[in-house]
Amino acid sequence: MLIRYCAPTLAGIKTASLFTCPNDSEKELTKQIRFANRQLLPRGIRLLPLRQKNGHALIYMYRPKRLERDLASQKAEAILARAHYPAGNPQRRLAELSLRLRQSHEFPHEIGLFLGYPPG
């Protein structure tokens, strides 16, 4: 699934990718994500479960340094400020995105910024 849905991120073409996978066990998913992160973190890539619901998990693969750069642009900062995201730290912003995804059935418009889409 990582290769199929995240190839552009793995290849360094995109900042991030998002995909849904079956999840019968939160404990097993956590174990698999930890294993994958041990392999990916030295390559500048990280996996993060954003939401788990109805037997599926929404997984976010991203390049932390690129995300930090993308979210630091003036336009991205302005969009996130208007949407009431915490300032500065990308990890706090990801935590807020995850919270919003868990609380709603819809994707927030600003999710594009977290996937590397230009603010325009």
C-alpha atoms as a PDB file:
ATOM      1  CA  MET A   1       0.000   0.000   0.000  1.00  0.00           C
ATOM      2  CA  LEU A   2       2.854   2.370   0.784  1.00  0.00           C
ATOM      3  CA  ILE A   3       4.331   1.984  -2.681  1.00  0.00           C
ATOM      4  CA  ARG A   4       0.984   2.069  -4.461  1.00  0.00           C
ATOM      5  CA  TYR A   5      -0.394   5.159  -2.735  1.00  0.00           C
ATOM      6  CA  CYS A   6       2.734   7.001  -1.646  1.00  0.00           C
ATOM      7  CA  ALA A   7       5.195   6.570  -4.521  1.00  0.00           C
ATOM      8  CA  PRO A   8       5.422  10.337  -5.226  1.00  0.00           C
ATOM      9  CA  THR A   9       6.289  11.013  -1.573  1.00  0.00           C
ATOM     10  CA  LEU A  10       8.752   8.119  -1.425  1.00  0.00           C
ATOM     11  CA  ALA A  11      10.420   9.429  -4.596  1.00  0.00           C
ATOM     12  CA  GLY A  12      10.661  12.958  -3.189  1.00  0.00           C
ATOM     13  CA  ILE A  13       8.240  14.415  -5.751  1.00  0.00           C
ATOM     14  CA  LYS A  14       5.538  15.326  -3.211  1.00  0.00           C
ATOM     15  CA  THR A  15       5.617  16.543   0.367  1.00  0.00           C
ATOM     16  CA  ALA A  16       3.001  14.053   1.536  1.00  0.00           C
ATOM     17  CA  SER A  17       0.460  11.388   0.635  1.00  0.00           C
ATOM     18  CA  LEU A  18      -2.728  10.213   2.297  1.00  0.00           C
ATOM     19  CA  PHE A  19      -4.386   6.812   2.054  1.00  0.00           C
ATOM     20  CA  THR A  20      -6.905   4.603   3.819  1.00  0.00           C
ATOM     21  CA  CYS A  21      -6.134   1.047   4.849  1.00  0.00           C
ATOM     22  CA  PRO A  22      -8.095  -1.691   6.599  1.00  0.00           C
ATOM     23  CA  ASN A  23      -7.539  -1.723  10.345  1.00  0.00           C
ATOM     24  CA  ASP A  24      -8.828  -4.595  12.430  1.00  0.00           C
ATOM     25  CA  SER A  25      -6.487  -3.910  15.338  1.00  0.00           C
ATOM     26  CA  GLU A  26      -5.245  -0.534  16.520  1.00  0.00           C
ATOM     27  CA  LYS A  27      -2.436  -2.307  18.390  1.00  0.00           C
ATOM     28  CA  GLU A  28      -1.281  -4.115  15.227  1.00  0.00           C
ATOM     29  CA  LEU A  29      -1.487  -0.933  13.148  1.00  0.00           C
ATOM     30  CA  THR A  30       0.635   0.917  15.709  1.00  0.00           C
ATOM     31  CA  LYS A  31       3.177  -1.897  15.600  1.00  0.00           C
ATOM     32  CA  GLN A  32       3.341  -1.789  11.790  1.00  0.00           C
ATOM     33  CA  ILE A  33       3.655   2.003  11.698  1.00  0.00           C
ATOM     34  CA  ARG A  34       6.476   1.917  14.258  1.00  0.00           C
ATOM     35  CA  PHE A  35       8.292  -0.710  12.190  1.00  0.00           C
ATOM     36  CA  ALA A  36       7.859   1.318   8.988  1.00  0.00           C
ATOM     37  CA  ASN A  37       8.990   4.523  10.707  1.00  0.00           C
ATOM     38  CA  ARG A  38      12.219   2.842  11.859  1.00  0.00           C
ATOM     39  CA  GLN A  39      12.948   2.161   8.189  1.00  0.00           C
ATOM     40  CA  LEU A  40      11.689   5.480   6.808  1.00  0.00           C
ATOM     41  CA  LEU A  41      12.825   8.094   9.340  1.00  0.00           C
ATOM     42  CA  PRO A  42      16.523   7.827   8.352  1.00  0.00           C
ATOM     43  CA  ARG A  43      15.359   8.633   4.805  1.00  0.00           C
ATOM     44  CA  GLY A  44      13.478  11.735   5.916  1.00  0.00           C
ATOM     45  CA  ILE A  45       9.983  10.204   5.716  1.00  0.00           C
ATOM     46  CA  ARG A  46       7.412   9.595   8.447  1.00  0.00           C
ATOM     47  CA  LEU A  47       4.084   7.768   8.752  1.00  0.00           C
ATOM     48  CA  LEU A  48       1.327   9.058  10.987  1.00  0.00           C
ATOM     49  CA  PRO A  49      -2.167   7.667  11.552  1.00  0.00           C
ATOM     50  CA  LEU A  50      -4.539  10.642  11.394  1.00  0.00           C
ATOM     51  CA  ARG A  51      -7.852   8.895  12.015  1.00  0.00           C
ATOM     52  CA  GLN A  52      -9.151   5.409  12.772  1.00  0.00           C
ATOM     53  CA  LYS A  53     -12.807   4.711  12.167  1.00  0.00           C
ATOM     54  CA  ASN A  54     -15.111   1.862  11.127  1.00  0.00           C
ATOM     55  CA  GLY A  55     -12.310  -0.661  10.630  1.00  0.00           C
ATOM     56  CA  HIS A  56     -10.170   1.701   8.535  1.00  0.00           C
ATOM     57  CA  ALA A  57      -7.247   3.979   9.259  1.00  0.00           C
ATOM     58  CA  LEU A  58      -6.333   7.178   7.454  1.00  0.00           C
ATOM     59  CA  ILE A  59      -2.538   7.168   7.125  1.00  0.00           C
ATOM     60  CA  TYR A  60      -0.421  10.215   6.329  1.00  0.00           C
ATOM     61  CA  MET A  61       3.063   9.741   4.890  1.00  0.00           C
ATOM     62  CA  TYR A  62       5.142  12.895   4.788  1.00  0.00           C
ATOM     63  CA  ARG A  63       8.564  14.444   4.596  1.00  0.00           C
ATOM     64  CA  PRO A  64       8.822  16.542   7.791  1.00  0.00           C
ATOM     65  CA  LYS A  65      11.393  19.025   6.462  1.00  0.00           C
ATOM     66  CA  ARG A  66       9.380  19.707   3.313  1.00  0.00           C
ATOM     67  CA  LEU A  67       6.174  20.045   5.316  1.00  0.00           C
ATOM     68  CA  GLU A  68       7.850  22.571   7.599  1.00  0.00           C
ATOM     69  CA  ARG A  69       8.991  24.567   4.560  1.00  0.00           C
ATOM     70  CA  ASP A  70       5.573  24.361   2.861  1.00  0.00           C
ATOM     71  CA  LEU A  71       3.652  25.485   5.948  1.00  0.00           C
ATOM     72  CA  ALA A  72       6.098  28.335   6.626  1.00  0.00           C
ATOM     73  CA  SER A  73       5.169  30.225   3.451  1.00  0.00           C
ATOM     74  CA  GLN A  74       3.324  33.484   4.086  1.00  0.00           C
ATOM     75  CA  LYS A  75       0.230  32.340   2.183  1.00  0.00           C
ATOM     76  CA  ALA A  76       0.070  28.994   3.984  1.00  0.00           C
ATOM     77  CA  GLU A  77       0.563  30.739   7.340  1.00  0.00           C
ATOM     78  CA  ALA A  78      -2.310  33.100   6.566  1.00  0.00           C
ATOM     79  CA  ILE A  79      -4.665  30.282   5.555  1.00  0.00           C
ATOM     80  CA  LEU A  80      -3.850  28.252   8.659  1.00  0.00           C
ATOM     81  CA  ALA A  81      -4.209  31.301  10.921  1.00  0.00           C
ATOM     82  CA  ARG A  82      -7.678  32.014   9.477  1.00  0.00           C
ATOM     83  CA  ALA A  83      -8.593  28.376  10.120  1.00  0.00           C
ATOM     84  CA  HIS A  84      -7.367  28.739  13.748  1.00  0.00           C
ATOM     85  CA  TYR A  85      -4.453  26.298  13.575  1.00  0.00           C
ATOM     86  CA  PRO A  86      -1.687  26.769  16.155  1.00  0.00           C
ATOM     87  CA  ALA A  87       1.172  28.937  14.946  1.00  0.00           C
ATOM     88  CA  GLY A  88       4.574  27.665  13.957  1.00  0.00           C
ATOM     89  CA  ASN A  89       5.191  24.045  14.899  1.00  0.00           C
ATOM     90  CA  PRO A  90       4.171  21.590  12.111  1.00  0.00           C
ATOM     91  CA  GLN A  91       3.673  18.784  14.666  1.00  0.00           C
ATOM     92  CA  ARG A  92       1.085  20.826  16.567  1.00  0.00           C
ATOM     93  CA  ARG A  93      -0.599  21.657  13.294  1.00  0.00           C
ATOM     94  CA  LEU A  94      -0.703  17.969  12.331  1.00  0.00           C
ATOM     95  CA  ALA A  95      -2.240  17.173  15.723  1.00  0.00           C
ATOM     96  CA  GLU A  96      -4.916  19.807  15.036  1.00  0.00           C
ATOM     97  CA  LEU A  97      -5.554  18.381  11.557  1.00  0.00           C
ATOM     98  CA  SER A  98      -5.913  14.904  13.053  1.00  0.00           C
ATOM     99  CA  LEU A  99      -8.378  16.216  15.636  1.00  0.00           C
ATOM    100  CA  ARG A 100     -10.461  17.898  12.928  1.00  0.00           C
ATOM    101  CA  LEU A 101     -10.473  14.731  10.834  1.00  0.00           C
ATOM    102  CA  ARG A 102     -11.656  12.676  13.802  1.00  0.00           C
ATOM    103  CA  GLN A 103     -14.436  15.159  14.589  1.00  0.00           C
ATOM    104  CA  SER A 104     -15.819  15.496  11.054  1.00  0.00           C
ATOM    105  CA  HIS A 105     -16.833  13.243   8.183  1.00  0.00           C
ATOM    106  CA  GLU A 106     -15.409  15.724   5.674  1.00  0.00           C
ATOM    107  CA  PHE A 107     -11.868  16.727   4.847  1.00  0.00           C
ATOM    108  CA  PRO A 108     -11.024  20.329   5.777  1.00  0.00           C
ATOM    109  CA  HIS A 109     -10.170  22.519   2.797  1.00  0.00           C
ATOM    110  CA  GLU A 110      -6.721  23.329   4.180  1.00  0.00           C
ATOM    111  CA  ILE A 111      -5.668  19.669   4.032  1.00  0.00           C
ATOM    112  CA  GLY A 112      -4.134  20.486   0.642  1.00  0.00           C
ATOM    113  CA  LEU A 113      -1.433  22.496   2.397  1.00  0.00           C
ATOM    114  CA  PHE A 114      -0.421  19.385   4.342  1.00  0.00           C
ATOM    115  CA  LEU A 115      -0.198  17.421   1.085  1.00  0.00           C
ATOM    116  CA  GLY A 116       2.114  19.924  -0.596  1.00  0.00           C
ATOM    117  CA  TYR A 117      -0.454  21.696  -2.766  1.00  0.00           C
ATOM    118  CA  PRO A 118       0.306  25.376  -3.333  1.00  0.00           C
ATOM    119  CA  PRO A 119      -1.707  27.798  -1.180  1.00  0.00           C
ATOM    120  CA  GLY A 120      -3.225  29.452  -4.254  1.00  0.00           C
END
